[in-house]
C-alpha cells in the first residue's frame, strides 16, 4: 500500500488490487520464462516423456484451477448395444 490509489477498502473488495502492475508483469515474465525453458528442454532433450507443462504463478483473485474430469471410453459391448438400439428405431 505504498502507492497512491491503492486503498485497503479496494483490496478488501477486490483481491486483484493487492498486486501492483509490476507484480503482474513479473508473474507474466516468470510464466513465460518457465514455458520457454520447458519448450527448449522438450526440443533438445532425448527423454522428455515425463515432463509436465509448468504451472503458472497463481494471481490474487484468480479461481483455483479445477482438475480435468477423466474421460470414460465405452467398451465394445456398449458400442454394439448403442448402435443396435439406433438401428432398431
PDB file of N, CA and C in Angstrom:
ATOM      1  N   UNK A   1       0.820  -1.184   0.000  1.00  0.00           N
ATOM      2  CA  UNK A   1       0.000   0.000   0.000  1.00  0.00           C
ATOM      3  C   UNK A   1       0.867   1.251   0.000  1.00  0.00           C
ATOM      4  N   UNK A   2       1.940   1.236  -0.708  1.00  0.00           N
ATOM      5  CA  UNK A   2       2.813   2.398  -0.740  1.00  0.00           C
ATOM      6  C   UNK A   2       2.446   3.366  -1.850  1.00  0.00           C
ATOM      7  N   UNK A   3       1.698   2.915  -2.817  1.00  0.00           N
ATOM      8  CA  UNK A   3       1.347   3.780  -3.940  1.00  0.00           C
ATOM      9  C   UNK A   3       0.010   4.450  -3.697  1.00  0.00           C
ATOM     10  N   UNK A   4      -0.149   5.704  -4.155  1.00  0.00           N
ATOM     11  CA  UNK A   4      -1.457   6.336  -4.037  1.00  0.00           C
ATOM     12  C   UNK A   4      -2.471   5.626  -4.926  1.00  0.00           C
ATOM     13  N   UNK A   5      -3.700   5.568  -4.463  1.00  0.00           N
ATOM     14  CA  UNK A   5      -4.746   4.915  -5.242  1.00  0.00           C
ATOM     15  C   UNK A   5      -4.962   3.466  -4.874  1.00  0.00           C
ATOM     16  N   UNK A   6      -4.110   2.909  -4.035  1.00  0.00           N
ATOM     17  CA  UNK A   6      -4.277   1.517  -3.591  1.00  0.00           C
ATOM     18  C   UNK A   6      -4.742   1.549  -2.142  1.00  0.00           C
ATOM     19  N   UNK A   7      -6.019   1.493  -1.957  1.00  0.00           N
ATOM     20  CA  UNK A   7      -6.577   1.607  -0.607  1.00  0.00           C
ATOM     21  C   UNK A   7      -6.886   0.238  -0.024  1.00  0.00           C
ATOM     22  N   UNK A   8      -7.000   0.207   1.285  1.00  0.00           N
ATOM     23  CA  UNK A   8      -7.356  -1.029   1.978  1.00  0.00           C
ATOM     24  C   UNK A   8      -8.777  -1.448   1.626  1.00  0.00           C
ATOM     25  N   UNK A   9      -9.659  -0.473   1.390  1.00  0.00           N
ATOM     26  CA  UNK A   9     -11.030  -0.790   1.015  1.00  0.00           C
ATOM     27  C   UNK A   9     -11.064  -1.484  -0.346  1.00  0.00           C
ATOM     28  N   UNK A  10     -10.308  -0.948  -1.296  1.00  0.00           N
ATOM     29  CA  UNK A  10     -10.273  -1.569  -2.617  1.00  0.00           C
ATOM     30  C   UNK A  10      -9.715  -2.981  -2.549  1.00  0.00           C
ATOM     31  N   UNK A  11      -8.661  -3.170  -1.750  1.00  0.00           N
ATOM     32  CA  UNK A  11      -8.076  -4.511  -1.625  1.00  0.00           C
ATOM     33  C   UNK A  11      -9.031  -5.466  -0.920  1.00  0.00           C
ATOM     34  N   UNK A  12      -9.852  -4.950   0.002  1.00  0.00           N
ATOM     35  CA  UNK A  12     -10.828  -5.808   0.680  1.00  0.00           C
ATOM     36  C   UNK A  12     -11.963  -6.191  -0.266  1.00  0.00           C
ATOM     37  N   UNK A  13     -12.302  -5.287  -1.192  1.00  0.00           N
ATOM     38  CA  UNK A  13     -13.395  -5.562  -2.124  1.00  0.00           C
ATOM     39  C   UNK A  13     -12.949  -6.393  -3.318  1.00  0.00           C
ATOM     40  N   UNK A  14     -11.715  -6.192  -3.758  1.00  0.00           N
ATOM     41  CA  UNK A  14     -11.215  -6.895  -4.937  1.00  0.00           C
ATOM     42  C   UNK A  14      -9.801  -7.382  -4.640  1.00  0.00           C
ATOM     43  N   UNK A  15      -9.636  -8.702  -4.538  1.00  0.00           N
ATOM     44  CA  UNK A  15      -8.348  -9.292  -4.207  1.00  0.00           C
ATOM     45  C   UNK A  15      -7.260  -8.916  -5.200  1.00  0.00           C
ATOM     46  N   UNK A  16      -7.641  -8.732  -6.462  1.00  0.00           N
ATOM     47  CA  UNK A  16      -6.652  -8.446  -7.501  1.00  0.00           C
ATOM     48  C   UNK A  16      -5.929  -7.131  -7.268  1.00  0.00           C
ATOM     49  N   UNK A  17      -6.510  -6.230  -6.484  1.00  0.00           N
ATOM     50  CA  UNK A  17      -5.889  -4.936  -6.232  1.00  0.00           C
ATOM     51  C   UNK A  17      -4.699  -5.040  -5.291  1.00  0.00           C
ATOM     52  N   UNK A  18      -4.502  -6.197  -4.654  1.00  0.00           N
ATOM     53  CA  UNK A  18      -3.377  -6.334  -3.738  1.00  0.00           C
ATOM     54  C   UNK A  18      -2.046  -6.426  -4.475  1.00  0.00           C
ATOM     55  N   UNK A  19      -2.086  -6.727  -5.768  1.00  0.00           N
ATOM     56  CA  UNK A  19      -0.874  -6.756  -6.590  1.00  0.00           C
ATOM     57  C   UNK A  19      -0.809  -5.486  -7.417  1.00  0.00           C
ATOM     58  N   UNK A  20       0.385  -4.975  -7.602  1.00  0.00           N
ATOM     59  CA  UNK A  20       0.570  -3.812  -8.466  1.00  0.00           C
ATOM     60  C   UNK A  20       0.755  -4.291  -9.903  1.00  0.00           C
ATOM     61  N   UNK A  21       0.814  -3.352 -10.825  1.00  0.00           N
ATOM     62  CA  UNK A  21       1.047  -3.714 -12.227  1.00  0.00           C
ATOM     63  C   UNK A  21       2.396  -4.397 -12.382  1.00  0.00           C
ATOM     64  N   UNK A  22       3.371  -3.944 -11.600  1.00  0.00           N
ATOM     65  CA  UNK A  22       4.707  -4.547 -11.654  1.00  0.00           C
ATOM     66  C   UNK A  22       4.663  -6.001 -11.226  1.00  0.00           C
ATOM     67  N   UNK A  23       3.883  -6.306 -10.191  1.00  0.00           N
ATOM     68  CA  UNK A  23       3.768  -7.693  -9.727  1.00  0.00           C
ATOM     69  C   UNK A  23       3.161  -8.583 -10.804  1.00  0.00           C
ATOM     70  N   UNK A  24       2.127  -8.077 -11.480  1.00  0.00           N
ATOM     71  CA  UNK A  24       1.505  -8.849 -12.557  1.00  0.00           C
ATOM     72  C   UNK A  24       2.478  -9.055 -13.714  1.00  0.00           C
ATOM     73  N   UNK A  25       3.244  -8.019 -14.055  1.00  0.00           N
ATOM     74  CA  UNK A  25       4.220  -8.152 -15.138  1.00  0.00           C
ATOM     75  C   UNK A  25       5.324  -9.138 -14.777  1.00  0.00           C
ATOM     76  N   UNK A  26       5.784  -9.104 -13.536  1.00  0.00           N
ATOM     77  CA  UNK A  26       6.803 -10.056 -13.107  1.00  0.00           C
ATOM     78  C   UNK A  26       6.274 -11.488 -13.126  1.00  0.00           C
ATOM     79  N   UNK A  27       5.035 -11.682 -12.718  1.00  0.00           N
ATOM     80  CA  UNK A  27       4.439 -13.022 -12.761  1.00  0.00           C
ATOM     81  C   UNK A  27       4.316 -13.502 -14.199  1.00  0.00           C
ATOM     82  N   UNK A  28       3.939 -12.591 -15.092  1.00  0.00           N
ATOM     83  CA  UNK A  28       3.817 -12.979 -16.506  1.00  0.00           C
ATOM     84  C   UNK A  28       5.181 -13.318 -17.095  1.00  0.00           C
ATOM     85  N   UNK A  29       6.208 -12.545 -16.731  1.00  0.00           N
ATOM     86  CA  UNK A  29       7.557 -12.831 -17.211  1.00  0.00           C
ATOM     87  C   UNK A  29       8.052 -14.174 -16.681  1.00  0.00           C
ATOM     88  N   UNK A  30       7.741 -14.455 -15.415  1.00  0.00           N
ATOM     89  CA  UNK A  30       8.135 -15.727 -14.824  1.00  0.00           C
ATOM     90  C   UNK A  30       7.465 -16.897 -15.550  1.00  0.00           C
ATOM     91  N   UNK A  31       6.169 -16.760 -15.831  1.00  0.00           N
ATOM     92  CA  UNK A  31       5.449 -17.808 -16.560  1.00  0.00           C
ATOM     93  C   UNK A  31       6.043 -18.017 -17.945  1.00  0.00           C
ATOM     94  N   UNK A  32       6.364 -16.902 -18.637  1.00  0.00           N
ATOM     95  CA  UNK A  32       6.921 -17.001 -19.988  1.00  0.00           C
ATOM     96  C   UNK A  32       8.295 -17.657 -19.956  1.00  0.00           C
ATOM     97  N   UNK A  33       9.108 -17.334 -18.966  1.00  0.00           N
ATOM     98  CA  UNK A  33      10.439 -17.927 -18.858  1.00  0.00           C
ATOM     99  C   UNK A  33      10.347 -19.420 -18.572  1.00  0.00           C
ATOM    100  N   UNK A  34       9.460 -19.806 -17.675  1.00  0.00           N
ATOM    101  CA  UNK A  34       9.287 -21.228 -17.381  1.00  0.00           C
ATOM    102  C   UNK A  34       8.813 -21.986 -18.624  1.00  0.00           C
ATOM    103  N   UNK A  35       7.885 -21.390 -19.368  1.00  0.00           N
ATOM    104  CA  UNK A  35       7.389 -22.047 -20.577  1.00  0.00           C
ATOM    105  C   UNK A  35       8.481 -22.148 -21.632  1.00  0.00           C
ATOM    106  N   UNK A  36       9.289 -21.091 -21.808  1.00  0.00           N
ATOM    107  CA  UNK A  36      10.348 -21.154 -22.815  1.00  0.00           C
ATOM    108  C   UNK A  36      11.398 -22.187 -22.430  1.00  0.00           C
ATOM    109  N   UNK A  37      11.723 -22.288 -21.137  1.00  0.00           N
ATOM    110  CA  UNK A  37      12.657 -23.336 -20.696  1.00  0.00           C
ATOM    111  C   UNK A  37      12.083 -24.718 -20.946  1.00  0.00           C
ATOM    112  N   UNK A  38      10.794 -24.891 -20.675  1.00  0.00           N
ATOM    113  CA  UNK A  38      10.136 -26.177 -20.915  1.00  0.00           C
ATOM    114  C   UNK A  38      10.208 -26.552 -22.396  1.00  0.00           C
ATOM    115  N   UNK A  39       9.884 -25.585 -23.271  1.00  0.00           N
ATOM    116  CA  UNK A  39       9.906 -25.871 -24.708  1.00  0.00           C
ATOM    117  C   UNK A  39      11.321 -26.149 -25.207  1.00  0.00           C
ATOM    118  N   UNK A  40      12.317 -25.437 -24.671  1.00  0.00           N
ATOM    119  CA  UNK A  40      13.702 -25.685 -25.068  1.00  0.00           C
ATOM    120  C   UNK A  40      14.133 -27.084 -24.685  1.00  0.00           C
ATOM    121  N   UNK A  41      13.823 -27.467 -23.428  1.00  0.00           N
ATOM    122  CA  UNK A  41      14.192 -28.810 -22.972  1.00  0.00           C
ATOM    123  C   UNK A  41      13.449 -29.864 -23.781  1.00  0.00           C
ATOM    124  N   UNK A  42      12.177 -29.627 -24.059  1.00  0.00           N
ATOM    125  CA  UNK A  42      11.366 -30.577 -24.830  1.00  0.00           C
ATOM    126  C   UNK A  42      11.941 -30.779 -26.230  1.00  0.00           C
ATOM    127  N   UNK A  43      12.480 -29.692 -26.825  1.00  0.00           N
ATOM    128  CA  UNK A  43      13.003 -29.776 -28.184  1.00  0.00           C
ATOM    129  C   UNK A  43      14.397 -30.378 -28.242  1.00  0.00           C
ATOM    130  N   UNK A  44      15.204 -30.226 -27.188  1.00  0.00           N
ATOM    131  CA  UNK A  44      16.609 -30.613 -27.273  1.00  0.00           C
ATOM    132  C   UNK A  44      16.996 -31.821 -26.425  1.00  0.00           C
ATOM    133  N   UNK A  45      16.137 -32.280 -25.543  1.00  0.00           N
ATOM    134  CA  UNK A  45      16.464 -33.441 -24.716  1.00  0.00           C
ATOM    135  C   UNK A  45      15.892 -34.696 -25.356  1.00  0.00           C
ATOM    136  N   UNK A  46      16.490 -35.811 -25.020  1.00  0.00           N
ATOM    137  CA  UNK A  46      16.048 -37.068 -25.622  1.00  0.00           C
ATOM    138  C   UNK A  46      14.860 -37.684 -24.890  1.00  0.00           C
ATOM    139  N   UNK A  47      14.919 -37.745 -23.572  1.00  0.00           N
ATOM    140  CA  UNK A  47      13.861 -38.401 -22.801  1.00  0.00           C
ATOM    141  C   UNK A  47      13.025 -37.341 -22.088  1.00  0.00           C
ATOM    142  N   UNK A  48      11.956 -36.869 -22.737  1.00  0.00           N
ATOM    143  CA  UNK A  48      11.117 -35.819 -22.153  1.00  0.00           C
ATOM    144  C   UNK A  48       9.670 -36.266 -22.002  1.00  0.00           C
ATOM    145  N   UNK A  49       9.439 -37.563 -21.980  1.00  0.00           N
ATOM    146  CA  UNK A  49       8.059 -38.051 -21.884  1.00  0.00           C
ATOM    147  C   UNK A  49       7.415 -37.713 -20.543  1.00  0.00           C
ATOM    148  N   UNK A  50       8.181 -37.666 -19.462  1.00  0.00           N
ATOM    149  CA  UNK A  50       7.622 -37.418 -18.143  1.00  0.00           C
ATOM    150  C   UNK A  50       7.498 -35.945 -17.786  1.00  0.00           C
ATOM    151  N   UNK A  51       7.894 -35.064 -18.690  1.00  0.00           N
ATOM    152  CA  UNK A  51       7.830 -33.625 -18.393  1.00  0.00           C
ATOM    153  C   UNK A  51       6.407 -33.107 -18.492  1.00  0.00           C
ATOM    154  N   UNK A  52       5.991 -32.387 -17.467  1.00  0.00           N
ATOM    155  CA  UNK A  52       4.676 -31.753 -17.481  1.00  0.00           C
ATOM    156  C   UNK A  52       4.845 -30.267 -17.749  1.00  0.00           C
ATOM    157  N   UNK A  53       3.802 -29.660 -18.295  1.00  0.00           N
ATOM    158  CA  UNK A  53       3.827 -28.220 -18.505  1.00  0.00           C
ATOM    159  C   UNK A  53       3.995 -27.508 -17.169  1.00  0.00           C
ATOM    160  N   UNK A  54       4.750 -26.425 -17.135  1.00  0.00           N
ATOM    161  CA  UNK A  54       4.887 -25.700 -15.869  1.00  0.00           C
ATOM    162  C   UNK A  54       3.566 -25.044 -15.478  1.00  0.00           C
ATOM    163  N   UNK A  55       3.327 -24.974 -14.193  1.00  0.00           N
ATOM    164  CA  UNK A  55       2.101 -24.325 -13.714  1.00  0.00           C
ATOM    165  C   UNK A  55       2.358 -22.836 -13.565  1.00  0.00           C
ATOM    166  N   UNK A  56       1.448 -22.002 -14.026  1.00  0.00           N
ATOM    167  CA  UNK A  56       1.652 -20.560 -13.914  1.00  0.00           C
ATOM    168  C   UNK A  56       1.540 -20.075 -12.471  1.00  0.00           C
ATOM    169  N   UNK A  57       2.143 -18.927 -12.210  1.00  0.00           N
ATOM    170  CA  UNK A  57       2.061 -18.317 -10.887  1.00  0.00           C
ATOM    171  C   UNK A  57       0.608 -17.950 -10.626  1.00  0.00           C
ATOM    172  N   UNK A  58       0.100 -18.309  -9.458  1.00  0.00           N
ATOM    173  CA  UNK A  58      -1.285 -18.009  -9.115  1.00  0.00           C
ATOM    174  C   UNK A  58      -1.414 -16.533  -8.794  1.00  0.00           C
ATOM    175  N   UNK A  59      -2.340 -15.874  -9.476  1.00  0.00           N
ATOM    176  CA  UNK A  59      -2.596 -14.453  -9.244  1.00  0.00           C
ATOM    177  C   UNK A  59      -3.704 -14.310  -8.209  1.00  0.00           C
ATOM    178  N   UNK A  60      -3.686 -13.204  -7.458  1.00  0.00           N
ATOM    179  CA  UNK A  60      -4.766 -12.997  -6.496  1.00  0.00           C
ATOM    180  C   UNK A  60      -6.097 -12.782  -7.194  1.00  0.00           C
ATOM    181  N   UNK A  61      -7.144 -13.328  -6.627  1.00  0.00           N
ATOM    182  CA  UNK A  61      -8.472 -13.195  -7.205  1.00  0.00           C
ATOM    183  C   UNK A  61      -8.753 -14.177  -8.314  1.00  0.00           C
ATOM    184  N   UNK A  62      -7.774 -14.980  -8.663  1.00  0.00           N
ATOM    185  CA  UNK A  62      -7.946 -15.962  -9.737  1.00  0.00           C
ATOM    186  C   UNK A  62      -8.471 -17.253  -9.120  1.00  0.00           C
ATOM    187  N   UNK A  63      -9.522 -17.843  -9.704  1.00  0.00           N
ATOM    188  CA  UNK A  63     -10.046 -19.085  -9.121  1.00  0.00           C
ATOM    189  C   UNK A  63      -9.029 -20.218  -9.246  1.00  0.00           C
ATOM    190  N   UNK A  64      -9.083 -21.126  -8.305  1.00  0.00           N
ATOM    191  CA  UNK A  64      -8.198 -22.283  -8.341  1.00  0.00           C
ATOM    192  C   UNK A  64      -8.525 -23.141  -9.559  1.00  0.00           C
ATOM    193  N   UNK A  65      -7.522 -23.628 -10.259  1.00  0.00           N
ATOM    194  CA  UNK A  65      -7.813 -24.460 -11.434  1.00  0.00           C
ATOM    195  C   UNK A  65      -8.473 -25.770 -11.031  1.00  0.00           C
ATOM    196  N   UNK A  66      -9.522 -26.114 -11.744  1.00  0.00           N
ATOM    197  CA  UNK A  66     -10.250 -27.351 -11.476  1.00  0.00           C
ATOM    198  C   UNK A  66      -9.571 -28.500 -12.220  1.00  0.00           C
ATOM    199  N   UNK A  67      -9.431 -29.652 -11.583  1.00  0.00           N
ATOM    200  CA  UNK A  67      -8.852 -30.789 -12.299  1.00  0.00           C
ATOM    201  C   UNK A  67      -9.782 -31.225 -13.425  1.00  0.00           C
ATOM    202  N   UNK A  68      -9.174 -31.586 -14.537  1.00  0.00           N
ATOM    203  CA  UNK A  68      -9.982 -32.012 -15.679  1.00  0.00           C
ATOM    204  C   UNK A  68     -10.598 -33.379 -15.387  1.00  0.00           C
ATOM    205  N   UNK A  69     -11.872 -33.548 -15.732  1.00  0.00           N
ATOM    206  CA  UNK A  69     -12.505 -34.854 -15.478  1.00  0.00           C
ATOM    207  C   UNK A  69     -11.889 -35.916 -16.378  1.00  0.00           C
ATOM    208  N   UNK A  70     -11.772 -37.103 -15.821  1.00  0.00           N
ATOM    209  CA  UNK A  70     -11.215 -38.200 -16.599  1.00  0.00           C
ATOM    210  C   UNK A  70     -12.236 -38.660 -17.626  1.00  0.00           C
ATOM    211  N   UNK A  71     -11.755 -38.939 -18.818  1.00  0.00           N
ATOM    212  CA  UNK A  71     -12.648 -39.388 -19.889  1.00  0.00           C
ATOM    213  C   UNK A  71     -12.936 -40.870 -19.717  1.00  0.00           C
ATOM    214  N   UNK A  72     -14.169 -41.212 -20.003  1.00  0.00           N
ATOM    215  CA  UNK A  72     -14.581 -42.601 -19.930  1.00  0.00           C
ATOM    216  C   UNK A  72     -14.903 -43.062 -21.349  1.00  0.00           C
ATOM    217  N   UNK A  73     -14.232 -44.085 -21.794  1.00  0.00           N
ATOM    218  CA  UNK A  73     -14.489 -44.632 -23.122  1.00  0.00           C
ATOM    219  C   UNK A  73     -15.416 -45.830 -22.997  1.00  0.00           C
ATOM    220  N   UNK A  74     -16.283 -45.925 -23.954  1.00  0.00           N
ATOM    221  CA  UNK A  74     -17.244 -47.028 -23.943  1.00  0.00           C
ATOM    222  C   UNK A  74     -16.536 -48.331 -24.297  1.00  0.00           C
ATOM    223  N   UNK A  75     -17.025 -49.409 -23.712  1.00  0.00           N
ATOM    224  CA  UNK A  75     -16.485 -50.724 -24.048  1.00  0.00           C
ATOM    225  C   UNK A  75     -17.072 -51.158 -25.391  1.00  0.00           C
ATOM    226  N   UNK A  76     -16.526 -52.187 -25.932  1.00  0.00           N
ATOM    227  CA  UNK A  76     -17.021 -52.700 -27.206  1.00  0.00           C
ATOM    228  C   UNK A  76     -18.477 -53.114 -27.132  1.00  0.00           C
ATOM    229  N   UNK A  77     -18.859 -53.743 -26.021  1.00  0.00           N
ATOM    230  CA  UNK A  77     -20.242 -54.188 -25.860  1.00  0.00           C
ATOM    231  C   UNK A  77     -21.191 -53.003 -25.780  1.00  0.00           C
ATOM    232  N   UNK A  78     -20.791 -51.919 -25.106  1.00  0.00           N
ATOM    233  CA  UNK A  78     -21.630 -50.723 -25.024  1.00  0.00           C
ATOM    234  C   UNK A  78     -21.832 -50.093 -26.397  1.00  0.00           C
ATOM    235  N   UNK A  79     -20.790 -50.098 -27.225  1.00  0.00           N
ATOM    236  CA  UNK A  79     -20.902 -49.549 -28.581  1.00  0.00           C
ATOM    237  C   UNK A  79     -21.854 -50.394 -29.421  1.00  0.00           C
ATOM    238  N   UNK A  80     -21.736 -51.713 -29.307  1.00  0.00           N
ATOM    239  CA  UNK A  80     -22.621 -52.607 -30.053  1.00  0.00           C
ATOM    240  C   UNK A  80     -24.069 -52.402 -29.619  1.00  0.00           C
ATOM    241  N   UNK A  81     -24.304 -52.303 -28.315  1.00  0.00           N
ATOM    242  CA  UNK A  81     -25.663 -52.082 -27.813  1.00  0.00           C
ATOM    243  C   UNK A  81     -26.225 -50.749 -28.299  1.00  0.00           C
ATOM    244  N   UNK A  82     -25.389 -49.703 -28.287  1.00  0.00           N
ATOM    245  CA  UNK A  82     -25.835 -48.384 -28.724  1.00  0.00           C
ATOM    246  C   UNK A  82     -26.272 -48.413 -30.194  1.00  0.00           C
ATOM    247  N   UNK A  83     -25.415 -48.964 -31.061  1.00  0.00           N
ATOM    248  CA  UNK A  83     -25.763 -48.977 -32.478  1.00  0.00           C
ATOM    249  C   UNK A  83     -26.911 -49.947 -32.769  1.00  0.00           C
ATOM    250  N   UNK A  84     -27.032 -50.999 -31.948  1.00  0.00           N
ATOM    251  CA  UNK A  84     -28.180 -51.892 -32.104  1.00  0.00           C
ATOM    252  C   UNK A  84     -29.481 -51.170 -31.786  1.00  0.00           C
ATOM    253  N   UNK A  85     -29.480 -50.349 -30.730  1.00  0.00           N
ATOM    254  CA  UNK A  85     -30.680 -49.574 -30.406  1.00  0.00           C
ATOM    255  C   UNK A  85     -30.957 -48.514 -31.455  1.00  0.00           C
ATOM    256  N   UNK A  86     -29.912 -47.883 -31.982  1.00  0.00           N
ATOM    257  CA  UNK A  86     -30.099 -46.853 -33.012  1.00  0.00           C
ATOM    258  C   UNK A  86     -30.640 -47.466 -34.306  1.00  0.00           C
ATOM    259  N   UNK A  87     -30.233 -48.706 -34.605  1.00  0.00           N
ATOM    260  CA  UNK A  87     -30.676 -49.369 -35.817  1.00  0.00           C
ATOM    261  C   UNK A  87     -32.127 -49.796 -35.719  1.00  0.00           C
ATOM    262  N   UNK A  88     -32.627 -50.046 -34.514  1.00  0.00           N
ATOM    263  CA  UNK A  88     -33.995 -50.538 -34.364  1.00  0.00           C
ATOM    264  C   UNK A  88     -35.024 -49.418 -34.180  1.00  0.00           C
ATOM    265  N   UNK A  89     -34.619 -48.167 -34.325  1.00  0.00           N
ATOM    266  CA  UNK A  89     -35.579 -47.070 -34.191  1.00  0.00           C
ATOM    267  C   UNK A  89     -36.528 -46.977 -35.334  1.00  0.00           C
TER     268      UNK A  89
END
